[in-house]
Amino acid sequence: MEEQNQGVKVEIMRFANRAPLLFDAGSCAMTKAVHSIDWKRYGIKDLENIPLTIFINFLSVHVPYTGAGKQAVADEDEIMEELRLALMMCARKTAHYISAKRAQIERKMKRDIFYRYIPEVADALSKITKKEKEKLIKKLEQLVLTKLKIEDKEEEDKNAKKVEEEGEEDYEEEE
């Protein structure tokens, strides 16, 4: 995975009233706000070497540009604070989404590990107890799902869709 990420850096796409700000990114309040946040809190360990794109659209009747060329937004205190708060809110939602996806993958891996050994355990139990192997397999699968609270494949898919829909609903509410 590291080989894929080599040379990939975070991309900050800056807009002011839907007009792209293509130049002078270093002195822009948006870039400074992105770099002022502790991204490790949100599960992003190395901001400079991660495939991440951050879109910022600054909408206002009066955009305080740094110069007449309208190439960057001035870093006034109120603007910086609002940008930071908005970025942190988005980062929290992104971290929640990523952690839910990661937990889903871990549950699936754990279930697959247990399912891999169920036939062998059922075979050994059927030899010891003289019960049907198929019934033991069903009971062991049920045991794995209930006792270890590992969800069934259909449940995982439903939950994944639910997490994605919640993220979309939150995004639509903000607009």
N, C-alpha and C. Protein backbone atom coordinates (compact mmCIF):
# COMPACT_ATOMS: atom_id res chain seq x y z
N MET A 1 0.82 -1.19 0.00
CA MET A 1 0.00 0.00 0.00
C MET A 1 0.87 1.25 0.00
N GLU A 2 2.01 1.19 0.66
CA GLU A 2 2.87 2.36 0.70
C GLU A 2 3.40 2.72 -0.68
N GLU A 3 3.58 1.69 -1.54
CA GLU A 3 4.07 1.96 -2.87
C GLU A 3 3.07 2.78 -3.68
N GLN A 4 1.79 2.56 -3.44
CA GLN A 4 0.76 3.30 -4.15
C GLN A 4 0.74 4.75 -3.71
N ASN A 5 1.04 5.01 -2.44
CA ASN A 5 0.94 6.36 -1.89
C ASN A 5 2.19 7.20 -2.10
N GLN A 6 3.24 6.63 -2.67
CA GLN A 6 4.46 7.39 -2.85
C GLN A 6 4.20 8.54 -3.83
N GLY A 7 4.62 9.71 -3.44
CA GLY A 7 4.46 10.89 -4.29
C GLY A 7 3.07 11.50 -4.20
N VAL A 8 2.14 10.88 -3.50
CA VAL A 8 0.81 11.42 -3.36
C VAL A 8 0.79 12.32 -2.14
N LYS A 9 0.31 13.52 -2.33
CA LYS A 9 0.25 14.46 -1.22
C LYS A 9 -1.17 14.96 -1.09
N VAL A 10 -1.45 15.53 0.07
CA VAL A 10 -2.76 16.10 0.29
C VAL A 10 -2.99 17.24 -0.71
N GLU A 11 -4.20 17.29 -1.22
CA GLU A 11 -4.56 18.33 -2.18
C GLU A 11 -5.63 19.20 -1.55
N ILE A 12 -5.39 20.49 -1.53
CA ILE A 12 -6.36 21.44 -0.98
C ILE A 12 -6.92 22.23 -2.15
N MET A 13 -8.19 22.02 -2.41
CA MET A 13 -8.84 22.75 -3.50
C MET A 13 -9.60 23.92 -2.89
N ARG A 14 -9.15 25.12 -3.20
CA ARG A 14 -9.69 26.33 -2.58
C ARG A 14 -10.59 27.06 -3.57
N PHE A 15 -11.74 27.49 -3.06
CA PHE A 15 -12.68 28.25 -3.87
C PHE A 15 -13.19 29.43 -3.05
N ALA A 16 -13.45 30.53 -3.71
CA ALA A 16 -14.09 31.69 -3.08
C ALA A 16 -15.28 32.05 -3.96
N ASN A 17 -16.48 31.88 -3.43
CA ASN A 17 -17.71 32.09 -4.18
C ASN A 17 -17.70 31.29 -5.48
N ARG A 18 -17.34 30.05 -5.36
CA ARG A 18 -17.28 29.07 -6.46
C ARG A 18 -16.19 29.35 -7.50
N ALA A 19 -15.40 30.34 -7.31
CA ALA A 19 -14.30 30.64 -8.23
C ALA A 19 -13.03 30.01 -7.66
N PRO A 20 -12.34 29.20 -8.45
CA PRO A 20 -11.13 28.55 -7.92
C PRO A 20 -10.01 29.54 -7.65
N LEU A 21 -9.33 29.33 -6.54
CA LEU A 21 -8.16 30.13 -6.20
C LEU A 21 -6.95 29.27 -6.55
N LEU A 22 -6.34 29.56 -7.67
CA LEU A 22 -5.30 28.69 -8.21
C LEU A 22 -3.89 29.05 -7.76
N PHE A 23 -3.69 30.30 -7.36
CA PHE A 23 -2.34 30.75 -7.05
C PHE A 23 -2.24 31.21 -5.60
N ASP A 24 -1.02 31.37 -5.13
CA ASP A 24 -0.72 31.92 -3.82
C ASP A 24 -1.35 31.12 -2.68
N ALA A 25 -1.25 29.81 -2.76
CA ALA A 25 -1.86 28.95 -1.76
C ALA A 25 -1.18 29.08 -0.40
N GLY A 26 0.10 29.38 -0.38
CA GLY A 26 0.85 29.45 0.87
C GLY A 26 0.39 30.55 1.79
N SER A 27 -0.08 31.65 1.26
CA SER A 27 -0.50 32.77 2.11
C SER A 27 -2.02 32.81 2.30
N CYS A 28 -2.71 31.79 1.86
CA CYS A 28 -4.17 31.77 1.95
C CYS A 28 -4.62 31.25 3.32
N ALA A 29 -5.68 31.84 3.84
CA ALA A 29 -6.22 31.44 5.14
C ALA A 29 -6.70 30.00 5.11
N MET A 30 -7.19 29.55 3.98
CA MET A 30 -7.69 28.18 3.89
C MET A 30 -6.57 27.17 4.07
N THR A 31 -5.46 27.40 3.42
CA THR A 31 -4.31 26.50 3.55
C THR A 31 -3.77 26.53 4.98
N LYS A 32 -3.69 27.71 5.55
CA LYS A 32 -3.19 27.83 6.92
C LYS A 32 -4.13 27.12 7.90
N ALA A 33 -5.43 27.22 7.66
CA ALA A 33 -6.40 26.55 8.54
C ALA A 33 -6.26 25.03 8.45
N VAL A 34 -6.05 24.52 7.26
CA VAL A 34 -5.88 23.07 7.08
C VAL A 34 -4.63 22.60 7.83
N HIS A 35 -3.55 23.34 7.72
CA HIS A 35 -2.30 22.92 8.36
C HIS A 35 -2.28 23.20 9.87
N SER A 36 -3.22 24.00 10.37
CA SER A 36 -3.24 24.30 11.81
C SER A 36 -3.98 23.23 12.62
N ILE A 37 -4.64 22.31 11.95
CA ILE A 37 -5.42 21.28 12.63
C ILE A 37 -4.53 20.07 12.92
N ASP A 38 -4.73 19.48 14.11
CA ASP A 38 -4.02 18.26 14.48
C ASP A 38 -4.79 17.08 13.89
N TRP A 39 -4.40 16.63 12.72
CA TRP A 39 -5.12 15.60 11.97
C TRP A 39 -4.98 14.23 12.61
N LYS A 40 -4.01 14.04 13.47
CA LYS A 40 -3.83 12.74 14.12
C LYS A 40 -5.04 12.40 14.99
N ARG A 41 -5.70 13.41 15.53
CA ARG A 41 -6.90 13.19 16.33
C ARG A 41 -8.01 12.53 15.52
N TYR A 42 -7.97 12.73 14.23
CA TYR A 42 -9.04 12.24 13.36
C TYR A 42 -8.62 11.02 12.54
N GLY A 43 -7.54 10.39 12.94
CA GLY A 43 -7.11 9.15 12.29
C GLY A 43 -6.27 9.36 11.05
N ILE A 44 -5.85 10.58 10.79
CA ILE A 44 -5.00 10.88 9.63
C ILE A 44 -3.61 11.16 10.19
N LYS A 45 -2.73 10.16 10.07
CA LYS A 45 -1.44 10.24 10.75
C LYS A 45 -0.43 11.14 10.06
N ASP A 46 -0.35 11.08 8.75
CA ASP A 46 0.63 11.86 8.02
C ASP A 46 -0.08 12.63 6.92
N LEU A 47 -0.47 13.85 7.22
CA LEU A 47 -1.28 14.64 6.30
C LEU A 47 -0.59 14.87 4.96
N GLU A 48 0.71 15.03 4.98
CA GLU A 48 1.42 15.36 3.74
C GLU A 48 1.55 14.19 2.78
N ASN A 49 1.47 12.97 3.28
CA ASN A 49 1.68 11.80 2.43
C ASN A 49 0.48 10.86 2.43
N ILE A 50 -0.69 11.42 2.31
CA ILE A 50 -1.90 10.60 2.28
C ILE A 50 -2.75 11.06 1.09
N PRO A 51 -3.39 10.12 0.41
CA PRO A 51 -4.23 10.52 -0.73
C PRO A 51 -5.53 11.13 -0.23
N LEU A 52 -5.50 12.43 0.03
CA LEU A 52 -6.65 13.13 0.59
C LEU A 52 -6.84 14.43 -0.18
N THR A 53 -8.07 14.72 -0.51
CA THR A 53 -8.40 15.99 -1.17
C THR A 53 -9.37 16.74 -0.28
N ILE A 54 -9.05 17.96 0.03
CA ILE A 54 -9.90 18.80 0.87
C ILE A 54 -10.45 19.92 0.00
N PHE A 55 -11.77 19.99 -0.07
CA PHE A 55 -12.45 21.05 -0.82
C PHE A 55 -12.94 22.10 0.16
N ILE A 56 -12.59 23.35 -0.10
CA ILE A 56 -13.07 24.45 0.73
C ILE A 56 -13.64 25.51 -0.19
N ASN A 57 -14.90 25.85 0.04
CA ASN A 57 -15.54 26.91 -0.74
C ASN A 57 -15.96 28.00 0.25
N PHE A 58 -15.32 29.13 0.16
CA PHE A 58 -15.59 30.26 1.05
C PHE A 58 -16.65 31.13 0.39
N LEU A 59 -17.85 31.11 0.95
CA LEU A 59 -18.95 31.90 0.39
C LEU A 59 -19.22 33.11 1.27
N SER A 60 -19.20 34.28 0.65
CA SER A 60 -19.46 35.50 1.40
C SER A 60 -19.74 36.65 0.43
N VAL A 61 -20.46 37.63 0.92
CA VAL A 61 -20.69 38.82 0.11
C VAL A 61 -19.39 39.61 0.01
N HIS A 62 -18.64 39.59 1.10
CA HIS A 62 -17.35 40.29 1.13
C HIS A 62 -16.26 39.29 1.49
N VAL A 63 -15.54 38.85 0.50
CA VAL A 63 -14.42 37.93 0.73
C VAL A 63 -13.17 38.79 0.90
N PRO A 64 -12.51 38.69 2.05
CA PRO A 64 -11.31 39.51 2.27
C PRO A 64 -10.08 38.89 1.59
N TYR A 65 -9.84 39.30 0.38
CA TYR A 65 -8.68 38.79 -0.36
C TYR A 65 -7.41 39.46 0.14
N THR A 66 -6.27 38.83 -0.12
CA THR A 66 -4.99 39.40 0.31
C THR A 66 -4.56 40.54 -0.60
N GLY A 67 -4.99 40.51 -1.84
CA GLY A 67 -4.62 41.57 -2.76
C GLY A 67 -5.69 41.77 -3.81
N ALA A 68 -5.41 42.69 -4.73
CA ALA A 68 -6.38 43.00 -5.78
C ALA A 68 -6.52 41.86 -6.79
N GLY A 69 -5.56 40.95 -6.82
CA GLY A 69 -5.58 39.85 -7.77
C GLY A 69 -6.55 38.73 -7.40
N LYS A 70 -7.12 38.79 -6.23
CA LYS A 70 -8.06 37.79 -5.75
C LYS A 70 -7.50 36.37 -5.86
N GLN A 71 -6.27 36.19 -5.36
CA GLN A 71 -5.62 34.89 -5.46
C GLN A 71 -5.63 34.13 -4.14
N ALA A 72 -5.88 34.80 -3.01
CA ALA A 72 -5.88 34.14 -1.72
C ALA A 72 -6.78 34.91 -0.76
N VAL A 73 -7.31 34.18 0.22
CA VAL A 73 -8.16 34.78 1.24
C VAL A 73 -7.28 35.22 2.40
N ALA A 74 -7.53 36.42 2.92
CA ALA A 74 -6.74 36.95 4.03
C ALA A 74 -7.02 36.16 5.30
N ASP A 75 -5.99 36.01 6.13
CA ASP A 75 -6.13 35.21 7.34
C ASP A 75 -6.52 36.07 8.54
N GLU A 76 -7.74 36.57 8.52
CA GLU A 76 -8.29 37.31 9.65
C GLU A 76 -8.70 36.33 10.73
N ASP A 77 -8.70 36.77 11.97
CA ASP A 77 -8.95 35.88 13.11
C ASP A 77 -10.30 35.17 13.01
N GLU A 78 -11.36 35.91 12.73
CA GLU A 78 -12.70 35.32 12.67
C GLU A 78 -12.81 34.30 11.54
N ILE A 79 -12.21 34.60 10.41
CA ILE A 79 -12.24 33.69 9.27
C ILE A 79 -11.45 32.43 9.59
N MET A 80 -10.29 32.58 10.17
CA MET A 80 -9.46 31.42 10.52
C MET A 80 -10.20 30.51 11.51
N GLU A 81 -10.85 31.10 12.50
CA GLU A 81 -11.55 30.30 13.50
C GLU A 81 -12.72 29.54 12.87
N GLU A 82 -13.49 30.19 12.02
CA GLU A 82 -14.63 29.52 11.37
C GLU A 82 -14.15 28.42 10.41
N LEU A 83 -13.07 28.68 9.70
CA LEU A 83 -12.51 27.66 8.82
C LEU A 83 -12.05 26.44 9.62
N ARG A 84 -11.37 26.70 10.72
CA ARG A 84 -10.89 25.60 11.57
C ARG A 84 -12.06 24.79 12.12
N LEU A 85 -13.11 25.47 12.60
CA LEU A 85 -14.26 24.76 13.15
C LEU A 85 -14.95 23.91 12.08
N ALA A 86 -15.09 24.45 10.90
CA ALA A 86 -15.73 23.71 9.81
C ALA A 86 -14.88 22.50 9.40
N LEU A 87 -13.58 22.69 9.31
CA LEU A 87 -12.69 21.59 8.96
C LEU A 87 -12.69 20.51 10.03
N MET A 88 -12.71 20.90 11.29
CA MET A 88 -12.72 19.92 12.37
C MET A 88 -14.03 19.13 12.39
N MET A 89 -15.14 19.79 12.08
CA MET A 89 -16.42 19.10 12.02
C MET A 89 -16.40 18.06 10.90
N CYS A 90 -15.90 18.43 9.75
CA CYS A 90 -15.80 17.49 8.62
C CYS A 90 -14.83 16.36 8.95
N ALA A 91 -13.74 16.68 9.61
CA ALA A 91 -12.76 15.65 9.98
C ALA A 91 -13.36 14.66 10.97
N ARG A 92 -14.17 15.13 11.90
CA ARG A 92 -14.84 14.23 12.84
C ARG A 92 -15.76 13.27 12.11
N LYS A 93 -16.54 13.77 11.18
CA LYS A 93 -17.45 12.92 10.43
C LYS A 93 -16.67 11.92 9.56
N THR A 94 -15.59 12.37 8.98
CA THR A 94 -14.76 11.48 8.17
C THR A 94 -14.13 10.40 9.04
N ALA A 95 -13.64 10.78 10.22
CA ALA A 95 -13.04 9.80 11.13
C ALA A 95 -14.08 8.78 11.58
N HIS A 96 -15.29 9.22 11.83
CA HIS A 96 -16.36 8.30 12.22
C HIS A 96 -16.65 7.32 11.08
N TYR A 97 -16.72 7.82 9.88
CA TYR A 97 -16.99 6.97 8.72
C TYR A 97 -15.87 5.95 8.52
N ILE A 98 -14.62 6.40 8.62
CA ILE A 98 -13.48 5.51 8.43
C ILE A 98 -13.43 4.45 9.53
N SER A 99 -13.70 4.84 10.77
CA SER A 99 -13.66 3.86 11.86
C SER A 99 -14.79 2.85 11.73
N ALA A 100 -15.96 3.28 11.25
CA ALA A 100 -17.06 2.33 11.04
C ALA A 100 -16.71 1.34 9.94
N LYS A 101 -16.09 1.82 8.87
CA LYS A 101 -15.67 0.92 7.79
C LYS A 101 -14.61 -0.05 8.29
N ARG A 102 -13.65 0.45 9.07
CA ARG A 102 -12.58 -0.40 9.60
C ARG A 102 -13.15 -1.46 10.53
N ALA A 103 -14.10 -1.09 11.39
CA ALA A 103 -14.72 -2.05 12.30
C ALA A 103 -15.50 -3.10 11.51
N GLN A 104 -16.15 -2.70 10.46
CA GLN A 104 -16.89 -3.63 9.63
C GLN A 104 -15.95 -4.65 8.99
N ILE A 105 -14.83 -4.20 8.50
CA ILE A 105 -13.84 -5.09 7.89
C ILE A 105 -13.27 -6.05 8.94
N GLU A 106 -12.99 -5.54 10.14
CA GLU A 106 -12.47 -6.40 11.20
C GLU A 106 -13.48 -7.46 11.62
N ARG A 107 -14.76 -7.09 11.72
CA ARG A 107 -15.80 -8.08 12.05
C ARG A 107 -15.88 -9.16 10.99
N LYS A 108 -15.80 -8.76 9.73
CA LYS A 108 -15.87 -9.72 8.64
C LYS A 108 -14.67 -10.67 8.69
N MET A 109 -13.49 -10.13 8.95
CA MET A 109 -12.29 -10.97 9.03
C MET A 109 -12.41 -11.97 10.19
N LYS A 110 -12.91 -11.49 11.32
CA LYS A 110 -13.06 -12.36 12.49
C LYS A 110 -14.06 -13.48 12.19
N ARG A 111 -15.18 -13.11 11.57
CA ARG A 111 -16.18 -14.11 11.21
C ARG A 111 -15.61 -15.15 10.26
N ASP A 112 -14.85 -14.69 9.27
CA ASP A 112 -14.26 -15.61 8.30
C ASP A 112 -13.27 -16.57 8.97
N ILE A 113 -12.53 -16.07 9.94
CA ILE A 113 -11.59 -16.94 10.66
C ILE A 113 -12.34 -18.04 11.41
N PHE A 114 -13.40 -17.66 12.11
CA PHE A 114 -14.18 -18.66 12.84
C PHE A 114 -14.86 -19.63 11.90
N TYR A 115 -15.41 -19.12 10.80
CA TYR A 115 -16.09 -19.99 9.84
C TYR A 115 -15.12 -20.99 9.21
N ARG A 116 -13.88 -20.62 9.08
CA ARG A 116 -12.89 -21.52 8.49
C ARG A 116 -12.70 -22.78 9.33
N TYR A 117 -12.82 -22.65 10.66
CA TYR A 117 -12.58 -23.78 11.55
C TYR A 117 -13.84 -24.53 11.96
N ILE A 118 -15.00 -24.01 11.65
CA ILE A 118 -16.25 -24.66 12.03
C ILE A 118 -16.36 -26.09 11.48
N PRO A 119 -16.08 -26.34 10.20
CA PRO A 119 -16.20 -27.73 9.72
C PRO A 119 -15.30 -28.73 10.46
N GLU A 120 -14.10 -28.33 10.77
CA GLU A 120 -13.19 -29.23 11.47
C GLU A 120 -13.65 -29.49 12.89
N VAL A 121 -14.10 -28.44 13.57
CA VAL A 121 -14.59 -28.59 14.94
C VAL A 121 -15.86 -29.46 14.94
N ALA A 122 -16.74 -29.20 13.98
CA ALA A 122 -17.98 -29.99 13.88
C ALA A 122 -17.66 -31.45 13.60
N ASP A 123 -16.69 -31.71 12.77
CA ASP A 123 -16.30 -33.09 12.47
C ASP A 123 -15.78 -33.79 13.72
N ALA A 124 -14.93 -33.11 14.47
CA ALA A 124 -14.38 -33.70 15.69
C ALA A 124 -15.48 -33.91 16.73
N LEU A 125 -16.38 -32.94 16.87
CA LEU A 125 -17.48 -33.08 17.82
C LEU A 125 -18.43 -34.21 17.44
N SER A 126 -18.67 -34.36 16.13
CA SER A 126 -19.58 -35.42 15.70
C SER A 126 -18.97 -36.80 15.98
N LYS A 127 -17.67 -36.92 15.90
CA LYS A 127 -17.02 -38.18 16.23
C LYS A 127 -17.10 -38.48 17.72
N ILE A 128 -16.96 -37.42 18.52
CA ILE A 128 -16.97 -37.59 19.97
C ILE A 128 -18.40 -37.83 20.48
N THR A 129 -19.34 -37.02 20.02
CA THR A 129 -20.71 -37.07 20.57
C THR A 129 -21.65 -37.94 19.75
N LYS A 130 -21.23 -38.40 18.59
CA LYS A 130 -22.05 -39.22 17.71
C LYS A 130 -23.31 -38.49 17.23
N LYS A 131 -23.21 -37.19 17.06
CA LYS A 131 -24.33 -36.39 16.54
C LYS A 131 -24.05 -36.03 15.08
N GLU A 132 -25.09 -35.58 14.41
CA GLU A 132 -24.94 -35.23 12.99
C GLU A 132 -24.04 -34.01 12.81
N LYS A 133 -23.17 -34.12 11.84
CA LYS A 133 -22.20 -33.05 11.56
C LYS A 133 -22.91 -31.77 11.09
N GLU A 134 -23.93 -31.91 10.26
CA GLU A 134 -24.64 -30.75 9.70
C GLU A 134 -25.32 -29.93 10.80
N LYS A 135 -25.93 -30.61 11.76
CA LYS A 135 -26.59 -29.91 12.86
C LYS A 135 -25.55 -29.17 13.71
N LEU A 136 -24.42 -29.81 13.92
CA LEU A 136 -23.35 -29.17 14.69
C LEU A 136 -22.81 -27.94 13.97
N ILE A 137 -22.68 -28.02 12.67
CA ILE A 137 -22.20 -26.87 11.90
C ILE A 137 -23.16 -25.71 12.05
N LYS A 138 -24.46 -25.97 11.92
CA LYS A 138 -25.45 -24.90 12.06
C LYS A 138 -25.41 -24.28 13.45
N LYS A 139 -25.30 -25.14 14.48
CA LYS A 139 -25.25 -24.63 15.84
C LYS A 139 -23.98 -23.81 16.10
N LEU A 140 -22.87 -24.27 15.56
CA LEU A 140 -21.62 -23.52 15.74
C LEU A 140 -21.67 -22.17 15.01
N GLU A 141 -22.25 -22.16 13.82
CA GLU A 141 -22.40 -20.89 13.10
C GLU A 141 -23.27 -19.93 13.89
N GLN A 142 -24.35 -20.44 14.45
CA GLN A 142 -25.23 -19.61 15.26
C GLN A 142 -24.50 -19.10 16.50
N LEU A 143 -23.70 -19.97 17.09
CA LEU A 143 -22.92 -19.60 18.27
C LEU A 143 -21.93 -18.48 17.95
N VAL A 144 -21.28 -18.60 16.81
CA VAL A 144 -20.33 -17.57 16.39
C VAL A 144 -21.05 -16.24 16.22
N LEU A 145 -22.20 -16.27 15.58
CA LEU A 145 -22.93 -15.03 15.32
C LEU A 145 -23.48 -14.39 16.58
N THR A 146 -23.99 -15.21 17.52
CA THR A 146 -24.62 -14.64 18.70
C THR A 146 -23.63 -14.30 19.81
N LYS A 147 -22.80 -15.25 20.18
CA LYS A 147 -21.90 -15.03 21.32
C LYS A 147 -20.81 -14.01 21.03
N LEU A 148 -20.29 -14.04 19.84
CA LEU A 148 -19.22 -13.11 19.50
C LEU A 148 -19.75 -11.83 18.88
N LYS A 149 -21.07 -11.75 18.74
CA LYS A 149 -21.73 -10.55 18.19
C LYS A 149 -21.16 -10.16 16.84
N ILE A 150 -20.90 -11.17 16.05
CA ILE A 150 -20.44 -10.94 14.69
C ILE A 150 -21.66 -11.05 13.80
N GLU A 151 -21.88 -10.02 13.01
CA GLU A 151 -23.11 -9.96 12.23
C GLU A 151 -23.03 -10.82 10.98
N ASP A 152 -24.17 -11.19 10.51
CA ASP A 152 -24.29 -11.96 9.29
C ASP A 152 -23.93 -11.09 8.09
N LYS A 153 -23.61 -11.68 6.98
CA LYS A 153 -23.19 -10.95 5.78
C LYS A 153 -24.24 -9.93 5.36
N GLU A 154 -25.51 -10.32 5.39
CA GLU A 154 -26.56 -9.40 4.98
C GLU A 154 -26.65 -8.21 5.93
N GLU A 155 -26.49 -8.48 7.22
CA GLU A 155 -26.52 -7.41 8.21
C GLU A 155 -25.37 -6.44 7.99
N GLU A 156 -24.18 -6.96 7.67
CA GLU A 156 -23.04 -6.09 7.43
C GLU A 156 -23.29 -5.18 6.24
N ASP A 157 -23.86 -5.74 5.18
CA ASP A 157 -24.16 -4.93 4.01
C ASP A 157 -25.18 -3.85 4.33
N LYS A 158 -26.20 -4.20 5.13
CA LYS A 158 -27.21 -3.21 5.52
C LYS A 158 -26.57 -2.10 6.35
N ASN A 159 -25.71 -2.49 7.28
CA ASN A 159 -25.06 -1.49 8.12
C ASN A 159 -24.12 -0.60 7.32
N ALA A 160 -23.42 -1.17 6.36
CA ALA A 160 -22.52 -0.37 5.52
C ALA A 160 -23.32 0.65 4.73
N LYS A 161 -24.45 0.22 4.18
CA LYS A 161 -25.30 1.15 3.44
C LYS A 161 -25.85 2.23 4.36
N LYS A 162 -26.21 1.84 5.58
CA LYS A 162 -26.75 2.79 6.55
C LYS A 162 -25.70 3.85 6.89
N VAL A 163 -24.45 3.43 7.09
CA VAL A 163 -23.37 4.37 7.41
C VAL A 163 -23.16 5.34 6.25
N GLU A 164 -23.17 4.81 5.03
CA GLU A 164 -22.99 5.66 3.86
C GLU A 164 -24.15 6.65 3.71
N GLU A 165 -25.40 6.18 3.94
CA GLU A 165 -26.55 7.05 3.83
C GLU A 165 -26.54 8.13 4.90
N GLU A 166 -26.11 7.78 6.12
CA GLU A 166 -26.02 8.79 7.18
C GLU A 166 -25.04 9.88 6.81
N GLY A 167 -23.92 9.48 6.22
CA GLY A 167 -22.93 10.48 5.77
C GLY A 167 -23.50 11.39 4.70
N GLU A 168 -24.26 10.82 3.76
CA GLU A 168 -24.86 11.62 2.71
C GLU A 168 -25.94 12.54 3.28
N GLU A 169 -26.74 12.05 4.25
CA GLU A 169 -27.78 12.87 4.84
C GLU A 169 -27.16 14.04 5.59
N ASP A 170 -26.09 13.79 6.33
CA ASP A 170 -25.42 14.87 7.06
C ASP A 170 -24.91 15.92 6.08
N TYR A 171 -24.38 15.47 4.95
CA TYR A 171 -23.86 16.40 3.96
C TYR A 171 -25.00 17.22 3.37
N GLU A 172 -26.13 16.58 3.08
CA GLU A 172 -27.26 17.30 2.48
C GLU A 172 -27.86 18.29 3.47
N GLU A 173 -27.89 17.95 4.76
CA GLU A 173 -28.43 18.87 5.77
C GLU A 173 -27.60 20.13 5.87
N GLU A 174 -26.29 20.02 5.72
CA GLU A 174 -25.41 21.17 5.83
C GLU A 174 -25.56 22.12 4.66
N GLU A 175 -25.92 21.59 3.51
CA GLU A 175 -26.08 22.45 2.34
C GLU A 175 -27.32 23.28 2.53
